[in-house]
PDB file of N, CA and C in Angstrom:
ATOM      1  N   UNK A   1       0.850  -1.168   0.000  1.00  0.00           N
ATOM      2  CA  UNK A   1       0.000   0.000   0.000  1.00  0.00           C
ATOM      3  C   UNK A   1       0.893   1.228   0.000  1.00  0.00           C
ATOM      4  N   UNK A   2       0.391   2.304  -0.524  1.00  0.00           N
ATOM      5  CA  UNK A   2       1.165   3.528  -0.570  1.00  0.00           C
ATOM      6  C   UNK A   2       0.275   4.746  -0.702  1.00  0.00           C
ATOM      7  N   UNK A   3       0.912   5.882  -0.717  1.00  0.00           N
ATOM      8  CA  UNK A   3       0.239   7.166  -0.866  1.00  0.00           C
ATOM      9  C   UNK A   3       0.981   7.968  -1.919  1.00  0.00           C
ATOM     10  N   UNK A   4       0.248   8.794  -2.666  1.00  0.00           N
ATOM     11  CA  UNK A   4       0.926   9.682  -3.599  1.00  0.00           C
ATOM     12  C   UNK A   4       0.212  11.027  -3.640  1.00  0.00           C
ATOM     13  N   UNK A   5       0.940  12.020  -4.124  1.00  0.00           N
ATOM     14  CA  UNK A   5       0.387  13.367  -4.243  1.00  0.00           C
ATOM     15  C   UNK A   5       1.024  14.019  -5.456  1.00  0.00           C
ATOM     16  N   UNK A   6       0.212  14.679  -6.245  1.00  0.00           N
ATOM     17  CA  UNK A   6       0.706  15.420  -7.398  1.00  0.00           C
ATOM     18  C   UNK A   6       0.504  16.901  -7.113  1.00  0.00           C
ATOM     19  N   UNK A   7       1.594  17.642  -6.982  1.00  0.00           N
ATOM     20  CA  UNK A   7       1.515  19.076  -6.745  1.00  0.00           C
ATOM     21  C   UNK A   7       1.422  19.820  -8.070  1.00  0.00           C
ATOM     22  N   UNK A   8       0.734  20.953  -8.071  1.00  0.00           N
ATOM     23  CA  UNK A   8       0.549  21.737  -9.296  1.00  0.00           C
ATOM     24  C   UNK A   8       1.865  22.179  -9.929  1.00  0.00           C
ATOM     25  N   UNK A   9       2.845  22.519  -9.124  1.00  0.00           N
ATOM     26  CA  UNK A   9       4.105  23.045  -9.651  1.00  0.00           C
ATOM     27  C   UNK A   9       5.151  21.971  -9.912  1.00  0.00           C
ATOM     28  N   UNK A  10       4.820  20.726  -9.716  1.00  0.00           N
ATOM     29  CA  UNK A  10       5.777  19.629  -9.876  1.00  0.00           C
ATOM     30  C   UNK A  10       5.454  18.829 -11.133  1.00  0.00           C
ATOM     31  N   UNK A  11       6.483  18.266 -11.762  1.00  0.00           N
ATOM     32  CA  UNK A  11       6.256  17.427 -12.938  1.00  0.00           C
ATOM     33  C   UNK A  11       6.130  15.955 -12.567  1.00  0.00           C
ATOM     34  N   UNK A  12       6.647  15.587 -11.399  1.00  0.00           N
ATOM     35  CA  UNK A  12       6.584  14.196 -10.954  1.00  0.00           C
ATOM     36  C   UNK A  12       5.783  14.098  -9.659  1.00  0.00           C
ATOM     37  N   UNK A  13       5.036  13.015  -9.489  1.00  0.00           N
ATOM     38  CA  UNK A  13       4.292  12.863  -8.230  1.00  0.00           C
ATOM     39  C   UNK A  13       5.235  12.536  -7.076  1.00  0.00           C
ATOM     40  N   UNK A  14       4.804  12.845  -5.886  1.00  0.00           N
ATOM     41  CA  UNK A  14       5.516  12.439  -4.670  1.00  0.00           C
ATOM     42  C   UNK A  14       4.801  11.209  -4.143  1.00  0.00           C
ATOM     43  N   UNK A  15       5.561  10.252  -3.611  1.00  0.00           N
ATOM     44  CA  UNK A  15       4.915   9.039  -3.129  1.00  0.00           C
ATOM     45  C   UNK A  15       5.691   8.423  -1.979  1.00  0.00           C
ATOM     46  N   UNK A  16       4.998   7.592  -1.223  1.00  0.00           N
ATOM     47  CA  UNK A  16       5.615   6.788  -0.170  1.00  0.00           C
ATOM     48  C   UNK A  16       5.039   5.386  -0.268  1.00  0.00           C
ATOM     49  N   UNK A  17       5.830   4.412   0.114  1.00  0.00           N
ATOM     50  CA  UNK A  17       5.373   3.029   0.203  1.00  0.00           C
ATOM     51  C   UNK A  17       5.297   2.691   1.678  1.00  0.00           C
ATOM     52  N   UNK A  18       4.131   2.260   2.130  1.00  0.00           N
ATOM     53  CA  UNK A  18       3.961   1.895   3.532  1.00  0.00           C
ATOM     54  C   UNK A  18       4.621   0.553   3.781  1.00  0.00           C
ATOM     55  N   UNK A  19       5.336   0.440   4.898  1.00  0.00           N
ATOM     56  CA  UNK A  19       6.036  -0.799   5.218  1.00  0.00           C
ATOM     57  C   UNK A  19       5.620  -1.323   6.585  1.00  0.00           C
ATOM     58  N   UNK A  20       5.968  -2.570   6.798  1.00  0.00           N
ATOM     59  CA  UNK A  20       5.705  -3.249   8.068  1.00  0.00           C
ATOM     60  C   UNK A  20       6.892  -4.162   8.347  1.00  0.00           C
ATOM     61  N   UNK A  21       6.987  -4.734   9.547  1.00  0.00           N
ATOM     62  CA  UNK A  21       8.073  -5.692   9.796  1.00  0.00           C
ATOM     63  C   UNK A  21       8.033  -6.830   8.767  1.00  0.00           C
ATOM     64  N   UNK A  22       9.184  -7.282   8.365  1.00  0.00           N
ATOM     65  CA  UNK A  22       9.278  -8.323   7.338  1.00  0.00           C
ATOM     66  C   UNK A  22       8.707  -9.648   7.825  1.00  0.00           C
ATOM     67  N   UNK A  23       8.146 -10.395   6.881  1.00  0.00           N
ATOM     68  CA  UNK A  23       7.686 -11.757   7.166  1.00  0.00           C
ATOM     69  C   UNK A  23       8.909 -12.602   7.539  1.00  0.00           C
ATOM     70  N   UNK A  24       8.738 -13.578   8.422  1.00  0.00           N
ATOM     71  CA  UNK A  24       9.884 -14.376   8.892  1.00  0.00           C
ATOM     72  C   UNK A  24      10.744 -14.966   7.775  1.00  0.00           C
ATOM     73  N   UNK A  25      10.130 -15.411   6.676  1.00  0.00           N
ATOM     74  CA  UNK A  25      10.914 -16.058   5.620  1.00  0.00           C
ATOM     75  C   UNK A  25      11.775 -15.096   4.812  1.00  0.00           C
ATOM     76  N   UNK A  26      11.512 -13.798   4.918  1.00  0.00           N
ATOM     77  CA  UNK A  26      12.316 -12.860   4.130  1.00  0.00           C
ATOM     78  C   UNK A  26      13.081 -11.849   4.971  1.00  0.00           C
ATOM     79  N   UNK A  27      13.007 -11.946   6.289  1.00  0.00           N
ATOM     80  CA  UNK A  27      13.701 -10.948   7.093  1.00  0.00           C
ATOM     81  C   UNK A  27      15.219 -11.037   6.983  1.00  0.00           C
ATOM     82  N   UNK A  28      15.746 -12.126   6.413  1.00  0.00           N
ATOM     83  CA  UNK A  28      17.190 -12.192   6.181  1.00  0.00           C
ATOM     84  C   UNK A  28      17.597 -11.236   5.058  1.00  0.00           C
ATOM     85  N   UNK A  29      16.638 -10.837   4.215  1.00  0.00           N
ATOM     86  CA  UNK A  29      16.914  -9.889   3.131  1.00  0.00           C
ATOM     87  C   UNK A  29      16.859  -8.456   3.663  1.00  0.00           C
ATOM     88  N   UNK A  30      15.798  -8.161   4.413  1.00  0.00           N
ATOM     89  CA  UNK A  30      15.620  -6.824   4.982  1.00  0.00           C
ATOM     90  C   UNK A  30      14.614  -6.921   6.115  1.00  0.00           C
ATOM     91  N   UNK A  31      14.742  -6.033   7.094  1.00  0.00           N
ATOM     92  CA  UNK A  31      13.866  -6.096   8.269  1.00  0.00           C
ATOM     93  C   UNK A  31      12.478  -5.491   8.026  1.00  0.00           C
ATOM     94  N   UNK A  32      12.261  -4.850   6.867  1.00  0.00           N
ATOM     95  CA  UNK A  32      10.958  -4.275   6.529  1.00  0.00           C
ATOM     96  C   UNK A  32      10.501  -4.821   5.187  1.00  0.00           C
ATOM     97  N   UNK A  33       9.186  -4.770   4.942  1.00  0.00           N
ATOM     98  CA  UNK A  33       8.619  -5.160   3.651  1.00  0.00           C
ATOM     99  C   UNK A  33       7.400  -4.285   3.384  1.00  0.00           C
ATOM    100  N   UNK A  34       6.978  -4.146   2.121  1.00  0.00           N
ATOM    101  CA  UNK A  34       5.791  -3.342   1.829  1.00  0.00           C
ATOM    102  C   UNK A  34       4.539  -3.935   2.478  1.00  0.00           C
ATOM    103  N   UNK A  35       3.616  -3.057   2.838  1.00  0.00           N
ATOM    104  CA  UNK A  35       2.306  -3.501   3.318  1.00  0.00           C
ATOM    105  C   UNK A  35       1.560  -4.069   2.116  1.00  0.00           C
ATOM    106  N   UNK A  36       1.075  -5.299   2.238  1.00  0.00           N
ATOM    107  CA  UNK A  36       0.321  -5.950   1.168  1.00  0.00           C
ATOM    108  C   UNK A  36      -1.083  -6.192   1.689  1.00  0.00           C
ATOM    109  N   UNK A  37      -2.060  -5.577   1.039  1.00  0.00           N
ATOM    110  CA  UNK A  37      -3.448  -5.707   1.478  1.00  0.00           C
ATOM    111  C   UNK A  37      -4.093  -6.958   0.912  1.00  0.00           C
ATOM    112  N   UNK A  38      -5.017  -7.533   1.662  1.00  0.00           N
ATOM    113  CA  UNK A  38      -5.824  -8.630   1.129  1.00  0.00           C
ATOM    114  C   UNK A  38      -6.765  -8.057   0.069  1.00  0.00           C
ATOM    115  N   UNK A  39      -7.256  -8.897  -0.814  1.00  0.00           N
ATOM    116  CA  UNK A  39      -8.125  -8.448  -1.907  1.00  0.00           C
ATOM    117  C   UNK A  39      -9.336  -7.664  -1.422  1.00  0.00           C
ATOM    118  N   UNK A  40      -9.895  -8.045  -0.283  1.00  0.00           N
ATOM    119  CA  UNK A  40     -11.087  -7.372   0.233  1.00  0.00           C
ATOM    120  C   UNK A  40     -10.830  -5.916   0.607  1.00  0.00           C
ATOM    121  N   UNK A  41      -9.573  -5.536   0.775  1.00  0.00           N
ATOM    122  CA  UNK A  41      -9.261  -4.184   1.231  1.00  0.00           C
ATOM    123  C   UNK A  41      -8.650  -3.294   0.156  1.00  0.00           C
ATOM    124  N   UNK A  42      -8.519  -3.786  -1.079  1.00  0.00           N
ATOM    125  CA  UNK A  42      -7.987  -2.953  -2.160  1.00  0.00           C
ATOM    126  C   UNK A  42      -8.885  -1.738  -2.403  1.00  0.00           C
ATOM    127  N   UNK A  43     -10.166  -1.985  -2.656  1.00  0.00           N
ATOM    128  CA  UNK A  43     -11.087  -0.890  -2.981  1.00  0.00           C
ATOM    129  C   UNK A  43     -11.258   0.081  -1.818  1.00  0.00           C
ATOM    130  N   UNK A  44     -11.502  -0.385  -0.577  1.00  0.00           N
ATOM    131  CA  UNK A  44     -11.610   0.581   0.529  1.00  0.00           C
ATOM    132  C   UNK A  44     -10.349   1.440   0.690  1.00  0.00           C
ATOM    133  N   UNK A  45      -9.164   0.859   0.458  1.00  0.00           N
ATOM    134  CA  UNK A  45      -7.931   1.642   0.569  1.00  0.00           C
ATOM    135  C   UNK A  45      -7.881   2.697  -0.529  1.00  0.00           C
ATOM    136  N   UNK A  46      -8.166   2.296  -1.764  1.00  0.00           N
ATOM    137  CA  UNK A  46      -8.119   3.237  -2.879  1.00  0.00           C
ATOM    138  C   UNK A  46      -9.197   4.309  -2.777  1.00  0.00           C
ATOM    139  N   UNK A  47     -10.333   3.981  -2.153  1.00  0.00           N
ATOM    140  CA  UNK A  47     -11.427   4.939  -1.976  1.00  0.00           C
ATOM    141  C   UNK A  47     -11.288   5.756  -0.694  1.00  0.00           C
ATOM    142  N   UNK A  48     -10.141   5.631  -0.019  1.00  0.00           N
ATOM    143  CA  UNK A  48      -9.858   6.386   1.210  1.00  0.00           C
ATOM    144  C   UNK A  48     -10.878   6.104   2.319  1.00  0.00           C
ATOM    145  N   UNK A  49     -11.273   4.839   2.458  1.00  0.00           N
ATOM    146  CA  UNK A  49     -12.238   4.444   3.482  1.00  0.00           C
ATOM    147  C   UNK A  49     -11.589   3.679   4.631  1.00  0.00           C
ATOM    148  N   UNK A  50     -10.272   3.558   4.644  1.00  0.00           N
ATOM    149  CA  UNK A  50      -9.564   2.848   5.716  1.00  0.00           C
ATOM    150  C   UNK A  50      -8.656   3.811   6.461  1.00  0.00           C
ATOM    151  N   UNK A  51      -8.669   3.740   7.787  1.00  0.00           N
ATOM    152  CA  UNK A  51      -7.660   4.497   8.522  1.00  0.00           C
ATOM    153  C   UNK A  51      -6.430   3.607   8.698  1.00  0.00           C
ATOM    154  N   UNK A  52      -5.361   4.178   9.190  1.00  0.00           N
ATOM    155  CA  UNK A  52      -4.092   3.459   9.287  1.00  0.00           C
ATOM    156  C   UNK A  52      -4.196   2.210  10.148  1.00  0.00           C
ATOM    157  N   UNK A  53      -4.894   2.295  11.261  1.00  0.00           N
ATOM    158  CA  UNK A  53      -5.038   1.143  12.157  1.00  0.00           C
ATOM    159  C   UNK A  53      -5.752  -0.004  11.447  1.00  0.00           C
ATOM    160  N   UNK A  54      -6.845   0.303  10.752  1.00  0.00           N
ATOM    161  CA  UNK A  54      -7.579  -0.723   9.998  1.00  0.00           C
ATOM    162  C   UNK A  54      -6.699  -1.333   8.916  1.00  0.00           C
ATOM    163  N   UNK A  55      -5.941  -0.487   8.258  1.00  0.00           N
ATOM    164  CA  UNK A  55      -5.041  -0.954   7.209  1.00  0.00           C
ATOM    165  C   UNK A  55      -4.058  -1.981   7.758  1.00  0.00           C
ATOM    166  N   UNK A  56      -3.402  -1.655   8.858  1.00  0.00           N
ATOM    167  CA  UNK A  56      -2.384  -2.536   9.414  1.00  0.00           C
ATOM    168  C   UNK A  56      -2.967  -3.823   9.992  1.00  0.00           C
ATOM    169  N   UNK A  57      -4.236  -3.816  10.357  1.00  0.00           N
ATOM    170  CA  UNK A  57      -4.878  -5.021  10.886  1.00  0.00           C
ATOM    171  C   UNK A  57      -5.322  -5.968   9.777  1.00  0.00           C
ATOM    172  N   UNK A  58      -5.295  -5.515   8.531  1.00  0.00           N
ATOM    173  CA  UNK A  58      -5.819  -6.318   7.430  1.00  0.00           C
ATOM    174  C   UNK A  58      -4.804  -6.522   6.317  1.00  0.00           C
ATOM    175  N   UNK A  59      -3.569  -6.717   6.702  1.00  0.00           N
ATOM    176  CA  UNK A  59      -2.535  -6.984   5.709  1.00  0.00           C
ATOM    177  C   UNK A  59      -2.429  -8.486   5.462  1.00  0.00           C
ATOM    178  N   UNK A  60      -1.850  -8.827   4.346  1.00  0.00           N
ATOM    179  CA  UNK A  60      -1.663 -10.222   3.986  1.00  0.00           C
ATOM    180  C   UNK A  60      -0.559 -10.814   4.850  1.00  0.00           C
ATOM    181  N   UNK A  61      -0.892 -11.834   5.635  1.00  0.00           N
ATOM    182  CA  UNK A  61       0.084 -12.432   6.549  1.00  0.00           C
ATOM    183  C   UNK A  61       0.857 -13.591   5.938  1.00  0.00           C
ATOM    184  N   UNK A  62       0.221 -14.350   5.080  1.00  0.00           N
ATOM    185  CA  UNK A  62       0.886 -15.536   4.538  1.00  0.00           C
ATOM    186  C   UNK A  62       1.212 -15.313   3.061  1.00  0.00           C
ATOM    187  N   UNK A  63       2.462 -15.467   2.740  1.00  0.00           N
ATOM    188  CA  UNK A  63       2.925 -15.317   1.368  1.00  0.00           C
ATOM    189  C   UNK A  63       3.546 -16.618   0.910  1.00  0.00           C
ATOM    190  N   UNK A  64       3.459 -16.877  -0.379  1.00  0.00           N
ATOM    191  CA  UNK A  64       4.131 -18.043  -0.940  1.00  0.00           C
ATOM    192  C   UNK A  64       5.414 -17.558  -1.608  1.00  0.00           C
ATOM    193  N   UNK A  65       6.492 -18.279  -1.373  1.00  0.00           N
ATOM    194  CA  UNK A  65       7.793 -17.895  -1.899  1.00  0.00           C
ATOM    195  C   UNK A  65       8.325 -18.985  -2.809  1.00  0.00           C
ATOM    196  N   UNK A  66       9.011 -18.559  -3.852  1.00  0.00           N
ATOM    197  CA  UNK A  66       9.687 -19.501  -4.736  1.00  0.00           C
ATOM    198  C   UNK A  66      11.099 -18.981  -4.973  1.00  0.00           C
ATOM    199  N   UNK A  67      12.098 -19.806  -4.728  1.00  0.00           N
ATOM    200  CA  UNK A  67      13.463 -19.343  -4.993  1.00  0.00           C
ATOM    201  C   UNK A  67      13.689 -19.184  -6.497  1.00  0.00           C
ATOM    202  N   UNK A  68      14.518 -18.238  -6.854  1.00  0.00           N
ATOM    203  CA  UNK A  68      14.892 -18.084  -8.257  1.00  0.00           C
ATOM    204  C   UNK A  68      16.373 -18.406  -8.391  1.00  0.00           C
ATOM    205  N   UNK A  69      16.736 -18.930  -9.529  1.00  0.00           N
ATOM    206  CA  UNK A  69      18.114 -19.353  -9.741  1.00  0.00           C
ATOM    207  C   UNK A  69      18.865 -18.446 -10.700  1.00  0.00           C
ATOM    208  N   UNK A  70      18.293 -17.303 -11.010  1.00  0.00           N
ATOM    209  CA  UNK A  70      18.964 -16.378 -11.916  1.00  0.00           C
ATOM    210  C   UNK A  70      18.626 -14.955 -11.498  1.00  0.00           C
ATOM    211  N   UNK A  71      19.434 -14.028 -11.953  1.00  0.00           N
ATOM    212  CA  UNK A  71      19.179 -12.621 -11.695  1.00  0.00           C
ATOM    213  C   UNK A  71      18.687 -11.993 -12.988  1.00  0.00           C
ATOM    214  N   UNK A  72      17.512 -11.366 -12.967  1.00  0.00           N
ATOM    215  CA  UNK A  72      17.001 -10.745 -14.198  1.00  0.00           C
ATOM    216  C   UNK A  72      17.944  -9.656 -14.696  1.00  0.00           C
ATOM    217  N   UNK A  73      18.013  -9.508 -15.985  1.00  0.00           N
ATOM    218  CA  UNK A  73      18.830  -8.463 -16.585  1.00  0.00           C
ATOM    219  C   UNK A  73      17.915  -7.519 -17.345  1.00  0.00           C
ATOM    220  N   UNK A  74      18.108  -6.233 -17.152  1.00  0.00           N
ATOM    221  CA  UNK A  74      17.276  -5.248 -17.828  1.00  0.00           C
ATOM    222  C   UNK A  74      17.984  -4.614 -19.015  1.00  0.00           C
ATOM    223  N   UNK A  75      19.242  -4.987 -19.234  1.00  0.00           N
ATOM    224  CA  UNK A  75      19.998  -4.388 -20.337  1.00  0.00           C
ATOM    225  C   UNK A  75      20.597  -5.451 -21.214  1.00  0.00           C
TER     226      UNK A  75
END
């Protein structure tokens, strides 16, 4: 989940990504991870109907992980 704002005098939007403590399986990578909402909370979040407390109580707790054996190349 995140927030953004477009100012009249700016050409690029300003944004933040909301984070929470990392899930146990990925905390070896970093101690924080993005807030991931369950499907039921996508629309209320986008429609500004959730406060921060509600948001944090309804994040996705279980993730499925698959190891990758290569590093993507963009060039």
